[in-house]
């Protein structure tokens, strides 16, 4: 479990694996993808809080169940299982972010791109279709695509804005609360071969 956590943390701290190409503006100066030009905003629920909630809410339920179960090993095994679920999900999540990712809605605000003046007037035109004519700053058909070398923003924020998928908040919630639902099903036997009480269905 500790090794998995260390691997996940190491990947999380690493720069995104692939080099991404993205368009910025058309020749007339219009933003190609306005959906990536939203302003940067603080998260309403930070990822650390989402992770804590995904752990402590199920953990509190485990403790409440002990009013009837009264078993140290039950709460111990449930807690370790919950940690397994959260850590394993987090490792897979950061690996997918690292390998695939995607642009966040505030990518351009984090990137703060500056297109060289020598290229600005020829972006997307037939005059900008030469190979390596611009020192590989631009690429793709008619050199309309750019890499992160034109970004002037904070490196940490740029890295974060390149890794939109999958959501860390969703991953934490899914891992924690799916495990909790399985635990409750085991205790309340909602999905078993007899008709459960109504309160058990509601609790589940």
N, C-alpha and C. Protein backbone atom coordinates (compact mmCIF):
# COMPACT_ATOMS: atom_id res chain seq x y z
N UNK A 1 0.82 -1.19 0.00
CA UNK A 1 0.00 0.00 0.00
C UNK A 1 0.87 1.26 0.00
N UNK A 2 1.94 1.23 0.80
CA UNK A 2 2.85 2.38 0.85
C UNK A 2 3.56 2.57 -0.48
N UNK A 3 3.94 1.44 -1.10
CA UNK A 3 4.62 1.52 -2.40
C UNK A 3 3.68 2.10 -3.46
N UNK A 4 2.44 1.65 -3.46
CA UNK A 4 1.46 2.18 -4.41
C UNK A 4 1.27 3.68 -4.21
N UNK A 5 1.19 4.10 -2.94
CA UNK A 5 1.04 5.52 -2.65
C UNK A 5 2.24 6.32 -3.13
N UNK A 6 3.45 5.77 -2.93
CA UNK A 6 4.66 6.46 -3.37
C UNK A 6 4.72 6.57 -4.88
N UNK A 7 4.31 5.50 -5.58
CA UNK A 7 4.28 5.54 -7.05
C UNK A 7 3.30 6.60 -7.53
N UNK A 8 2.12 6.61 -6.94
CA UNK A 8 1.12 7.61 -7.33
C UNK A 8 1.60 9.02 -7.11
N UNK A 9 2.24 9.27 -5.96
CA UNK A 9 2.74 10.61 -5.66
C UNK A 9 3.84 11.01 -6.63
N UNK A 10 4.72 10.04 -6.98
CA UNK A 10 5.79 10.33 -7.93
C UNK A 10 5.26 10.71 -9.30
N UNK A 11 4.26 9.96 -9.78
CA UNK A 11 3.67 10.27 -11.08
C UNK A 11 2.94 11.61 -11.03
N UNK A 12 2.27 11.89 -9.91
CA UNK A 12 1.54 13.15 -9.76
C UNK A 12 2.48 14.35 -9.85
N UNK A 13 3.70 14.21 -9.34
CA UNK A 13 4.65 15.32 -9.33
C UNK A 13 5.41 15.46 -10.65
N UNK A 14 5.25 14.48 -11.55
CA UNK A 14 5.98 14.47 -12.82
C UNK A 14 5.26 15.29 -13.88
N UNK A 15 6.02 15.89 -14.80
CA UNK A 15 5.42 16.62 -15.92
C UNK A 15 4.59 15.67 -16.78
N UNK A 16 3.55 16.15 -17.46
CA UNK A 16 2.75 15.30 -18.36
C UNK A 16 3.64 14.58 -19.37
N UNK A 17 3.33 13.30 -19.61
CA UNK A 17 4.18 12.48 -20.48
C UNK A 17 4.19 12.93 -21.94
N UNK A 18 3.05 13.04 -22.60
CA UNK A 18 3.09 13.38 -24.03
C UNK A 18 3.26 14.88 -24.25
N UNK A 19 3.81 15.22 -25.40
CA UNK A 19 3.85 16.63 -25.80
C UNK A 19 2.55 16.93 -26.53
N UNK A 20 1.82 17.92 -26.09
CA UNK A 20 0.51 18.22 -26.65
C UNK A 20 0.60 19.38 -27.62
N UNK A 21 -0.18 19.30 -28.69
CA UNK A 21 -0.27 20.39 -29.65
C UNK A 21 -1.67 20.97 -29.59
N UNK A 22 -1.78 22.28 -29.75
CA UNK A 22 -3.07 22.94 -29.64
C UNK A 22 -3.06 24.22 -30.47
N UNK A 23 -4.20 24.58 -31.08
CA UNK A 23 -4.29 25.84 -31.81
C UNK A 23 -4.59 26.98 -30.84
N UNK A 24 -4.20 28.18 -31.21
CA UNK A 24 -4.47 29.34 -30.36
C UNK A 24 -5.45 30.29 -31.02
N UNK A 25 -5.05 30.85 -32.16
CA UNK A 25 -5.88 31.85 -32.84
C UNK A 25 -5.95 31.57 -34.33
N UNK A 26 -7.05 32.06 -34.94
CA UNK A 26 -7.13 32.10 -36.39
C UNK A 26 -6.33 33.30 -36.89
N UNK A 27 -6.21 33.41 -38.20
CA UNK A 27 -5.43 34.51 -38.76
C UNK A 27 -6.01 35.87 -38.38
N UNK A 28 -7.34 35.94 -38.20
CA UNK A 28 -7.97 37.22 -37.84
C UNK A 28 -7.88 37.53 -36.34
N UNK A 29 -7.21 36.65 -35.59
CA UNK A 29 -7.03 36.88 -34.17
C UNK A 29 -8.09 36.26 -33.28
N UNK A 30 -9.11 35.63 -33.87
CA UNK A 30 -10.17 35.00 -33.08
C UNK A 30 -9.65 33.73 -32.41
N UNK A 31 -10.04 33.53 -31.15
CA UNK A 31 -9.64 32.33 -30.41
C UNK A 31 -10.26 31.10 -31.06
N UNK A 32 -9.45 30.08 -31.31
CA UNK A 32 -9.94 28.87 -31.98
C UNK A 32 -10.91 28.11 -31.07
N UNK A 33 -10.53 27.90 -29.82
CA UNK A 33 -11.37 27.16 -28.88
C UNK A 33 -11.67 28.02 -27.65
N UNK A 34 -12.74 28.82 -27.69
CA UNK A 34 -13.08 29.66 -26.53
C UNK A 34 -13.34 28.85 -25.26
N UNK A 35 -13.69 27.56 -25.41
CA UNK A 35 -13.97 26.75 -24.23
C UNK A 35 -12.74 26.50 -23.38
N UNK A 36 -11.54 26.81 -23.92
CA UNK A 36 -10.32 26.68 -23.13
C UNK A 36 -9.81 28.04 -22.66
N UNK A 37 -10.62 29.07 -22.79
CA UNK A 37 -10.19 30.43 -22.46
C UNK A 37 -10.89 30.99 -21.22
N UNK A 38 -11.49 30.10 -20.42
CA UNK A 38 -12.13 30.57 -19.19
C UNK A 38 -11.09 31.07 -18.19
N UNK A 39 -11.46 32.00 -17.32
CA UNK A 39 -10.50 32.48 -16.31
C UNK A 39 -10.22 31.41 -15.26
N UNK A 40 -9.05 31.49 -14.66
CA UNK A 40 -8.71 30.57 -13.58
C UNK A 40 -9.49 30.94 -12.33
N UNK A 41 -10.04 29.93 -11.68
CA UNK A 41 -10.81 30.15 -10.45
C UNK A 41 -10.37 29.14 -9.40
N UNK A 42 -10.47 29.54 -8.15
CA UNK A 42 -10.16 28.61 -7.06
C UNK A 42 -11.23 27.54 -6.98
N UNK A 43 -10.82 26.33 -6.63
CA UNK A 43 -11.76 25.23 -6.49
C UNK A 43 -12.68 25.47 -5.29
N UNK A 44 -13.96 25.17 -5.45
CA UNK A 44 -14.89 25.28 -4.33
C UNK A 44 -14.56 24.22 -3.28
N UNK A 45 -14.29 23.00 -3.75
CA UNK A 45 -13.86 21.91 -2.87
C UNK A 45 -12.48 21.47 -3.35
N UNK A 46 -11.40 21.80 -2.64
CA UNK A 46 -10.06 21.38 -3.07
C UNK A 46 -9.92 19.87 -3.03
N UNK A 47 -8.98 19.36 -3.80
CA UNK A 47 -8.83 17.91 -3.92
C UNK A 47 -8.48 17.26 -2.59
N UNK A 48 -7.70 17.94 -1.75
CA UNK A 48 -7.34 17.34 -0.45
C UNK A 48 -8.57 17.17 0.43
N UNK A 49 -9.51 18.12 0.35
CA UNK A 49 -10.75 18.01 1.13
C UNK A 49 -11.63 16.90 0.58
N UNK A 50 -11.69 16.78 -0.75
CA UNK A 50 -12.47 15.70 -1.36
C UNK A 50 -11.93 14.34 -0.92
N UNK A 51 -10.60 14.20 -0.87
CA UNK A 51 -9.99 12.94 -0.44
C UNK A 51 -10.30 12.65 1.03
N UNK A 52 -10.23 13.68 1.88
CA UNK A 52 -10.53 13.49 3.30
C UNK A 52 -11.99 13.09 3.51
N UNK A 53 -12.90 13.74 2.79
CA UNK A 53 -14.32 13.39 2.90
C UNK A 53 -14.57 11.96 2.43
N UNK A 54 -13.88 11.57 1.34
CA UNK A 54 -14.06 10.22 0.80
C UNK A 54 -13.55 9.16 1.77
N UNK A 55 -12.66 9.56 2.69
CA UNK A 55 -12.19 8.61 3.71
C UNK A 55 -13.02 8.69 4.99
N UNK A 56 -13.19 9.89 5.52
CA UNK A 56 -13.77 10.02 6.86
C UNK A 56 -15.26 9.75 6.91
N UNK A 57 -16.01 10.07 5.86
CA UNK A 57 -17.45 9.76 5.89
C UNK A 57 -17.68 8.25 5.96
N UNK A 58 -17.05 7.43 5.08
CA UNK A 58 -17.19 5.98 5.25
C UNK A 58 -16.66 5.49 6.60
N UNK A 59 -15.54 6.06 7.06
CA UNK A 59 -14.95 5.63 8.33
C UNK A 59 -15.91 5.88 9.50
N UNK A 60 -16.58 7.01 9.49
CA UNK A 60 -17.57 7.31 10.54
C UNK A 60 -18.72 6.31 10.49
N UNK A 61 -19.14 5.94 9.27
CA UNK A 61 -20.19 4.92 9.13
C UNK A 61 -19.72 3.59 9.70
N UNK A 62 -18.45 3.23 9.45
CA UNK A 62 -17.90 1.99 10.02
C UNK A 62 -18.01 2.01 11.55
N UNK A 63 -17.70 3.16 12.15
CA UNK A 63 -17.77 3.28 13.61
C UNK A 63 -19.21 3.19 14.10
N UNK A 64 -20.14 3.79 13.38
CA UNK A 64 -21.56 3.73 13.77
C UNK A 64 -22.06 2.29 13.73
N UNK A 65 -21.63 1.54 12.72
CA UNK A 65 -22.04 0.14 12.60
C UNK A 65 -21.59 -0.67 13.81
N UNK A 66 -20.48 -0.24 14.43
CA UNK A 66 -19.94 -0.99 15.57
C UNK A 66 -20.82 -0.90 16.81
N UNK A 67 -21.82 -0.01 16.80
CA UNK A 67 -22.79 0.02 17.91
C UNK A 67 -23.46 -1.34 18.03
N UNK A 68 -23.67 -1.99 16.87
CA UNK A 68 -24.27 -3.33 16.88
C UNK A 68 -23.22 -4.41 16.67
N UNK A 69 -22.27 -4.19 15.77
CA UNK A 69 -21.31 -5.24 15.44
C UNK A 69 -20.31 -5.48 16.57
N UNK A 70 -19.81 -4.41 17.18
CA UNK A 70 -18.86 -4.49 18.29
C UNK A 70 -17.67 -5.40 17.96
N UNK A 71 -17.03 -5.12 16.84
CA UNK A 71 -15.90 -5.94 16.40
C UNK A 71 -14.75 -5.05 15.97
N UNK A 72 -13.63 -5.16 16.68
CA UNK A 72 -12.44 -4.39 16.28
C UNK A 72 -11.98 -4.80 14.89
N UNK A 73 -11.99 -6.10 14.62
CA UNK A 73 -11.49 -6.59 13.34
C UNK A 73 -12.38 -6.15 12.18
N UNK A 74 -13.65 -5.99 12.46
CA UNK A 74 -14.55 -5.52 11.41
C UNK A 74 -14.19 -4.10 10.98
N UNK A 75 -14.04 -3.21 11.95
CA UNK A 75 -13.70 -1.82 11.60
C UNK A 75 -12.27 -1.72 11.08
N UNK A 76 -11.38 -2.57 11.59
CA UNK A 76 -9.99 -2.58 11.12
C UNK A 76 -9.92 -3.00 9.65
N UNK A 77 -10.58 -4.11 9.33
CA UNK A 77 -10.55 -4.61 7.95
C UNK A 77 -11.27 -3.67 7.00
N UNK A 78 -12.37 -3.08 7.46
CA UNK A 78 -13.10 -2.14 6.62
C UNK A 78 -12.25 -0.91 6.32
N UNK A 79 -11.53 -0.42 7.32
CA UNK A 79 -10.68 0.77 7.13
C UNK A 79 -9.53 0.48 6.18
N UNK A 80 -8.89 -0.67 6.35
CA UNK A 80 -7.79 -1.03 5.45
C UNK A 80 -8.32 -1.22 4.03
N UNK A 81 -9.48 -1.85 3.89
CA UNK A 81 -10.08 -2.01 2.57
C UNK A 81 -10.39 -0.68 1.92
N UNK A 82 -10.88 0.26 2.73
CA UNK A 82 -11.16 1.61 2.21
C UNK A 82 -9.89 2.28 1.73
N UNK A 83 -8.81 2.14 2.49
CA UNK A 83 -7.53 2.72 2.07
C UNK A 83 -7.03 2.08 0.78
N UNK A 84 -7.17 0.75 0.68
CA UNK A 84 -6.80 0.07 -0.56
C UNK A 84 -7.57 0.66 -1.74
N UNK A 85 -8.86 0.83 -1.55
CA UNK A 85 -9.72 1.35 -2.62
C UNK A 85 -9.29 2.75 -3.04
N UNK A 86 -9.09 3.64 -2.06
CA UNK A 86 -8.73 5.03 -2.36
C UNK A 86 -7.36 5.14 -3.02
N UNK A 87 -6.38 4.41 -2.48
CA UNK A 87 -5.02 4.51 -3.02
C UNK A 87 -4.93 3.91 -4.41
N UNK A 88 -5.55 2.74 -4.61
CA UNK A 88 -5.52 2.11 -5.94
C UNK A 88 -6.19 3.00 -6.98
N UNK A 89 -7.34 3.56 -6.64
CA UNK A 89 -8.04 4.45 -7.57
C UNK A 89 -7.21 5.68 -7.88
N UNK A 90 -6.55 6.24 -6.85
CA UNK A 90 -5.73 7.44 -7.06
C UNK A 90 -4.55 7.16 -7.97
N UNK A 91 -3.92 5.99 -7.81
CA UNK A 91 -2.77 5.65 -8.67
C UNK A 91 -3.20 5.51 -10.12
N UNK A 92 -4.30 4.80 -10.37
CA UNK A 92 -4.79 4.69 -11.74
C UNK A 92 -5.17 6.05 -12.30
N UNK A 93 -5.78 6.89 -11.46
CA UNK A 93 -6.21 8.21 -11.92
C UNK A 93 -5.03 9.07 -12.33
N UNK A 94 -3.97 9.11 -11.52
CA UNK A 94 -2.83 9.96 -11.87
C UNK A 94 -2.07 9.41 -13.08
N UNK A 95 -2.05 8.09 -13.24
CA UNK A 95 -1.41 7.51 -14.43
C UNK A 95 -2.15 7.92 -15.70
N UNK A 96 -3.49 7.86 -15.67
CA UNK A 96 -4.27 8.25 -16.85
C UNK A 96 -4.12 9.74 -17.11
N UNK A 97 -4.14 10.55 -16.07
CA UNK A 97 -3.89 11.99 -16.24
C UNK A 97 -2.53 12.23 -16.88
N UNK A 98 -1.53 11.52 -16.39
CA UNK A 98 -0.15 11.70 -16.86
C UNK A 98 0.00 11.28 -18.32
N UNK A 99 -0.62 10.15 -18.69
CA UNK A 99 -0.47 9.62 -20.04
C UNK A 99 -1.42 10.26 -21.06
N UNK A 100 -2.63 10.58 -20.63
CA UNK A 100 -3.66 11.06 -21.57
C UNK A 100 -4.05 12.50 -21.25
N UNK A 101 -4.64 12.71 -20.10
CA UNK A 101 -5.00 14.06 -19.67
C UNK A 101 -5.95 14.77 -20.61
N UNK A 102 -5.65 16.02 -20.89
CA UNK A 102 -6.51 16.86 -21.72
C UNK A 102 -6.47 18.29 -21.21
N UNK A 103 -6.96 19.22 -22.01
CA UNK A 103 -6.90 20.63 -21.64
C UNK A 103 -8.06 21.00 -20.72
N UNK A 104 -7.76 21.73 -19.67
CA UNK A 104 -8.79 22.23 -18.76
C UNK A 104 -9.42 23.49 -19.36
N UNK A 105 -10.61 23.87 -18.89
CA UNK A 105 -11.27 25.08 -19.43
C UNK A 105 -10.45 26.36 -19.26
N UNK A 106 -9.54 26.38 -18.27
CA UNK A 106 -8.73 27.59 -18.05
C UNK A 106 -7.32 27.45 -18.64
N UNK A 107 -7.14 26.52 -19.59
CA UNK A 107 -5.80 26.25 -20.11
C UNK A 107 -5.11 27.50 -20.64
N UNK A 108 -5.79 28.27 -21.47
CA UNK A 108 -5.15 29.44 -22.08
C UNK A 108 -4.79 30.49 -21.03
N UNK A 109 -5.61 30.61 -19.98
CA UNK A 109 -5.30 31.55 -18.91
C UNK A 109 -4.06 31.11 -18.14
N UNK A 110 -3.87 29.79 -17.99
CA UNK A 110 -2.68 29.28 -17.31
C UNK A 110 -1.46 29.34 -18.22
N UNK A 111 -1.66 29.02 -19.49
CA UNK A 111 -0.56 28.99 -20.46
C UNK A 111 -0.02 30.39 -20.76
N UNK A 112 -0.91 31.36 -20.91
CA UNK A 112 -0.54 32.72 -21.32
C UNK A 112 0.34 32.69 -22.57
N UNK A 113 -0.21 32.15 -23.68
CA UNK A 113 0.61 31.95 -24.88
C UNK A 113 1.03 33.26 -25.54
N UNK A 114 2.24 33.26 -26.05
CA UNK A 114 2.77 34.38 -26.83
C UNK A 114 3.29 33.82 -28.14
N UNK A 115 2.57 34.08 -29.23
CA UNK A 115 2.98 33.60 -30.55
C UNK A 115 4.02 34.57 -31.11
N UNK A 116 5.17 34.06 -31.59
CA UNK A 116 6.18 34.94 -32.17
C UNK A 116 5.60 35.83 -33.26
N UNK A 117 5.99 37.10 -33.26
CA UNK A 117 5.44 38.06 -34.22
C UNK A 117 5.69 37.63 -35.66
N UNK A 118 6.78 36.90 -35.90
CA UNK A 118 7.10 36.46 -37.25
C UNK A 118 6.11 35.43 -37.77
N UNK A 119 5.34 34.81 -36.86
CA UNK A 119 4.38 33.77 -37.26
C UNK A 119 2.94 34.25 -37.21
N UNK A 120 2.68 35.27 -36.43
CA UNK A 120 1.30 35.65 -36.13
C UNK A 120 0.46 35.92 -37.36
N UNK A 121 1.01 36.62 -38.34
CA UNK A 121 0.24 37.01 -39.52
C UNK A 121 0.10 35.88 -40.55
N UNK A 122 0.87 34.80 -40.36
CA UNK A 122 0.83 33.73 -41.35
C UNK A 122 0.23 32.44 -40.81
N UNK A 123 -0.27 32.46 -39.57
CA UNK A 123 -0.86 31.25 -38.98
C UNK A 123 -2.04 30.78 -39.81
N UNK A 124 -2.01 29.52 -40.23
CA UNK A 124 -3.11 28.92 -40.96
C UNK A 124 -3.21 29.30 -42.42
N UNK A 125 -2.23 29.97 -42.98
CA UNK A 125 -2.27 30.35 -44.39
C UNK A 125 -1.32 29.48 -45.19
N UNK A 126 -1.46 29.55 -46.50
CA UNK A 126 -0.60 28.75 -47.36
C UNK A 126 0.85 29.20 -47.28
N UNK A 127 1.08 30.41 -46.77
CA UNK A 127 2.44 30.91 -46.63
C UNK A 127 3.15 30.34 -45.41
N UNK A 128 2.41 29.56 -44.63
CA UNK A 128 2.99 29.01 -43.40
C UNK A 128 2.92 27.49 -43.43
N UNK A 129 3.23 26.92 -44.57
CA UNK A 129 3.10 25.48 -44.74
C UNK A 129 4.44 24.81 -45.00
N UNK A 130 5.51 25.51 -44.70
CA UNK A 130 6.83 24.93 -44.93
C UNK A 130 7.26 24.04 -43.79
N UNK A 131 8.19 23.14 -44.04
CA UNK A 131 8.68 22.24 -43.03
C UNK A 131 9.76 22.93 -42.19
N UNK A 132 9.54 22.95 -40.84
CA UNK A 132 10.52 23.51 -39.92
C UNK A 132 10.87 24.96 -40.24
N UNK A 133 9.97 25.68 -40.88
CA UNK A 133 10.27 27.05 -41.27
C UNK A 133 10.33 27.99 -40.08
N UNK A 134 9.79 27.55 -38.95
CA UNK A 134 9.73 28.42 -37.79
C UNK A 134 10.45 27.84 -36.58
N UNK A 135 11.40 26.95 -36.84
CA UNK A 135 12.15 26.37 -35.73
C UNK A 135 11.32 25.46 -34.85
N UNK A 136 10.29 24.81 -35.44
CA UNK A 136 9.44 23.87 -34.72
C UNK A 136 8.61 24.51 -33.61
N UNK A 137 8.47 25.84 -33.59
CA UNK A 137 7.59 26.48 -32.63
C UNK A 137 6.15 26.11 -32.94
N UNK A 138 5.80 26.11 -34.23
CA UNK A 138 4.46 25.70 -34.68
C UNK A 138 4.58 24.38 -35.43
N UNK A 139 3.46 23.66 -35.53
CA UNK A 139 3.48 22.38 -36.23
C UNK A 139 2.10 22.08 -36.78
N UNK A 140 1.97 20.95 -37.48
CA UNK A 140 0.70 20.58 -38.07
C UNK A 140 0.47 21.24 -39.42
N UNK A 141 -0.71 20.98 -40.00
CA UNK A 141 -1.04 21.52 -41.31
C UNK A 141 -1.02 23.04 -41.27
N UNK A 142 -0.27 23.62 -42.19
CA UNK A 142 -0.09 25.07 -42.25
C UNK A 142 0.38 25.66 -40.91
N UNK A 143 1.02 24.82 -40.14
CA UNK A 143 1.66 25.27 -38.89
C UNK A 143 0.69 26.02 -37.96
N UNK A 144 -0.53 25.52 -37.87
CA UNK A 144 -1.53 26.20 -37.04
C UNK A 144 -1.49 25.73 -35.59
N UNK A 145 -0.78 24.62 -35.33
CA UNK A 145 -0.73 24.06 -33.98
C UNK A 145 0.56 24.49 -33.28
N UNK A 146 0.47 24.62 -31.96
CA UNK A 146 1.62 25.03 -31.16
C UNK A 146 1.80 24.08 -29.98
N UNK A 147 3.01 24.07 -29.45
CA UNK A 147 3.30 23.31 -28.24
C UNK A 147 3.44 24.24 -27.05
N UNK A 148 3.73 23.66 -25.89
CA UNK A 148 3.79 24.46 -24.67
C UNK A 148 4.99 25.41 -24.62
N UNK A 149 5.87 25.33 -25.61
CA UNK A 149 7.02 26.24 -25.64
C UNK A 149 6.59 27.70 -25.78
N UNK A 150 5.37 27.94 -26.27
CA UNK A 150 4.91 29.33 -26.40
C UNK A 150 4.21 29.82 -25.14
N UNK A 151 4.08 28.95 -24.14
CA UNK A 151 3.44 29.34 -22.89
C UNK A 151 4.42 30.14 -22.03
N UNK A 152 3.92 31.18 -21.40
CA UNK A 152 4.75 32.02 -20.53
C UNK A 152 4.26 32.00 -19.08
N UNK A 153 3.27 31.18 -18.78
CA UNK A 153 2.70 31.14 -17.44
C UNK A 153 3.52 30.30 -16.48
N UNK A 154 3.00 30.14 -15.27
CA UNK A 154 3.66 29.34 -14.24
C UNK A 154 3.67 27.86 -14.65
N UNK A 155 4.84 27.22 -14.55
CA UNK A 155 4.99 25.84 -15.02
C UNK A 155 4.04 24.89 -14.30
N UNK A 156 3.90 25.05 -12.99
CA UNK A 156 3.02 24.16 -12.23
C UNK A 156 1.57 24.28 -12.68
N UNK A 157 1.13 25.51 -12.91
CA UNK A 157 -0.25 25.74 -13.36
C UNK A 157 -0.46 25.22 -14.78
N UNK A 158 0.58 25.34 -15.62
CA UNK A 158 0.47 24.82 -16.99
C UNK A 158 0.34 23.30 -16.95
N UNK A 159 1.19 22.63 -16.16
CA UNK A 159 1.11 21.18 -16.04
C UNK A 159 -0.28 20.75 -15.57
N UNK A 160 -0.82 21.45 -14.58
CA UNK A 160 -2.15 21.11 -14.06
C UNK A 160 -3.22 21.32 -15.13
N UNK A 161 -3.08 22.38 -15.93
CA UNK A 161 -4.10 22.67 -16.95
C UNK A 161 -4.04 21.71 -18.13
N UNK A 162 -2.97 20.91 -18.21
CA UNK A 162 -2.84 19.91 -19.28
C UNK A 162 -3.37 18.54 -18.85
N UNK A 163 -3.82 18.43 -17.60
CA UNK A 163 -4.25 17.13 -17.08
C UNK A 163 -5.66 17.22 -16.51
N UNK A 164 -6.62 17.30 -17.40
CA UNK A 164 -8.01 17.50 -16.97
C UNK A 164 -8.75 16.21 -16.65
N UNK A 165 -8.34 15.10 -17.23
CA UNK A 165 -9.13 13.88 -17.17
C UNK A 165 -8.24 12.70 -16.76
N UNK A 166 -8.74 11.84 -15.85
CA UNK A 166 -10.03 11.87 -15.15
C UNK A 166 -9.99 12.77 -13.92
N UNK A 167 -11.15 13.15 -13.44
CA UNK A 167 -11.26 14.06 -12.30
C UNK A 167 -10.81 13.40 -11.01
N UNK A 168 -9.94 14.09 -10.27
CA UNK A 168 -9.50 13.57 -8.98
C UNK A 168 -10.63 13.56 -7.96
N UNK A 169 -11.49 14.57 -8.00
CA UNK A 169 -12.63 14.63 -7.09
C UNK A 169 -13.57 13.43 -7.32
N UNK A 170 -13.86 13.16 -8.60
CA UNK A 170 -14.75 12.05 -8.94
C UNK A 170 -14.14 10.72 -8.54
N UNK A 171 -12.83 10.58 -8.79
CA UNK A 171 -12.14 9.33 -8.45
C UNK A 171 -12.20 9.06 -6.95
N UNK A 172 -11.92 10.08 -6.14
CA UNK A 172 -11.95 9.91 -4.69
C UNK A 172 -13.35 9.55 -4.21
N UNK A 173 -14.35 10.27 -4.71
CA UNK A 173 -15.73 9.99 -4.30
C UNK A 173 -16.17 8.59 -4.71
N UNK A 174 -15.83 8.20 -5.94
CA UNK A 174 -16.21 6.88 -6.44
C UNK A 174 -15.57 5.78 -5.60
N UNK A 175 -14.26 5.89 -5.36
CA UNK A 175 -13.54 4.85 -4.62
C UNK A 175 -14.06 4.74 -3.19
N UNK A 176 -14.27 5.87 -2.54
CA UNK A 176 -14.71 5.84 -1.15
C UNK A 176 -16.14 5.37 -0.97
N UNK A 177 -17.04 5.89 -1.79
CA UNK A 177 -18.46 5.62 -1.54
C UNK A 177 -18.95 4.33 -2.20
N UNK A 178 -18.30 3.87 -3.25
CA UNK A 178 -18.64 2.54 -3.77
C UNK A 178 -18.21 1.48 -2.75
N UNK A 179 -17.01 1.68 -2.16
CA UNK A 179 -16.58 0.74 -1.12
C UNK A 179 -17.57 0.77 0.05
N UNK A 180 -18.01 1.96 0.44
CA UNK A 180 -18.98 2.08 1.53
C UNK A 180 -20.28 1.36 1.20
N UNK A 181 -20.74 1.48 -0.04
CA UNK A 181 -21.99 0.82 -0.43
C UNK A 181 -21.84 -0.70 -0.37
N UNK A 182 -20.67 -1.21 -0.76
CA UNK A 182 -20.43 -2.65 -0.68
C UNK A 182 -20.39 -3.11 0.78
N UNK A 183 -19.79 -2.29 1.63
CA UNK A 183 -19.73 -2.61 3.07
C UNK A 183 -21.13 -2.65 3.67
N UNK A 184 -21.94 -1.63 3.35
CA UNK A 184 -23.31 -1.59 3.87
C UNK A 184 -24.14 -2.76 3.35
N UNK A 185 -23.93 -3.12 2.10
CA UNK A 185 -24.66 -4.27 1.56
C UNK A 185 -24.29 -5.54 2.30
N UNK A 186 -23.01 -5.67 2.65
CA UNK A 186 -22.57 -6.86 3.38
C UNK A 186 -23.21 -6.91 4.77
N UNK A 187 -23.39 -5.74 5.38
CA UNK A 187 -23.96 -5.70 6.73
C UNK A 187 -25.49 -5.78 6.73
N UNK A 188 -26.11 -5.09 5.79
CA UNK A 188 -27.58 -5.01 5.76
C UNK A 188 -28.21 -6.09 4.89
N UNK A 189 -27.39 -6.71 4.03
CA UNK A 189 -27.85 -7.78 3.13
C UNK A 189 -29.03 -7.33 2.27
N UNK A 190 -28.87 -6.15 1.68
CA UNK A 190 -29.93 -5.63 0.81
C UNK A 190 -30.06 -6.48 -0.44
N UNK A 191 -28.92 -6.88 -1.02
CA UNK A 191 -28.94 -7.68 -2.25
C UNK A 191 -28.64 -9.14 -1.90
N UNK A 192 -29.49 -9.72 -1.11
CA UNK A 192 -29.33 -11.13 -0.75
C UNK A 192 -30.59 -11.89 -1.13
N UNK A 193 -30.64 -13.14 -0.77
CA UNK A 193 -31.74 -13.98 -1.23
C UNK A 193 -32.94 -13.97 -0.29
N UNK A 194 -33.19 -12.84 0.35
CA UNK A 194 -34.43 -12.70 1.13
C UNK A 194 -34.87 -11.25 1.09
N UNK A 195 -36.12 -11.01 1.47
CA UNK A 195 -36.68 -9.66 1.40
C UNK A 195 -36.18 -8.82 2.58
N UNK A 196 -35.39 -7.75 2.31
CA UNK A 196 -34.85 -6.95 3.42
C UNK A 196 -35.90 -5.97 3.96
N UNK A 197 -35.67 -5.49 5.15
CA UNK A 197 -36.54 -4.47 5.75
C UNK A 197 -36.41 -3.17 4.98
N UNK A 198 -37.47 -2.37 5.03
CA UNK A 198 -37.48 -1.10 4.31
C UNK A 198 -36.37 -0.17 4.79
N UNK A 199 -36.11 -0.14 6.11
CA UNK A 199 -35.10 0.78 6.64
C UNK A 199 -33.71 0.42 6.14
N UNK A 200 -33.48 -0.87 5.88
CA UNK A 200 -32.18 -1.29 5.35
C UNK A 200 -31.99 -0.80 3.92
N UNK A 201 -33.08 -0.85 3.14
CA UNK A 201 -33.00 -0.35 1.77
C UNK A 201 -32.74 1.15 1.78
N UNK A 202 -33.41 1.87 2.69
CA UNK A 202 -33.21 3.32 2.78
C UNK A 202 -31.80 3.65 3.22
N UNK A 203 -31.28 2.89 4.18
CA UNK A 203 -29.92 3.13 4.67
C UNK A 203 -28.89 2.85 3.58
N UNK A 204 -29.18 1.83 2.78
CA UNK A 204 -28.24 1.50 1.69
C UNK A 204 -28.25 2.57 0.62
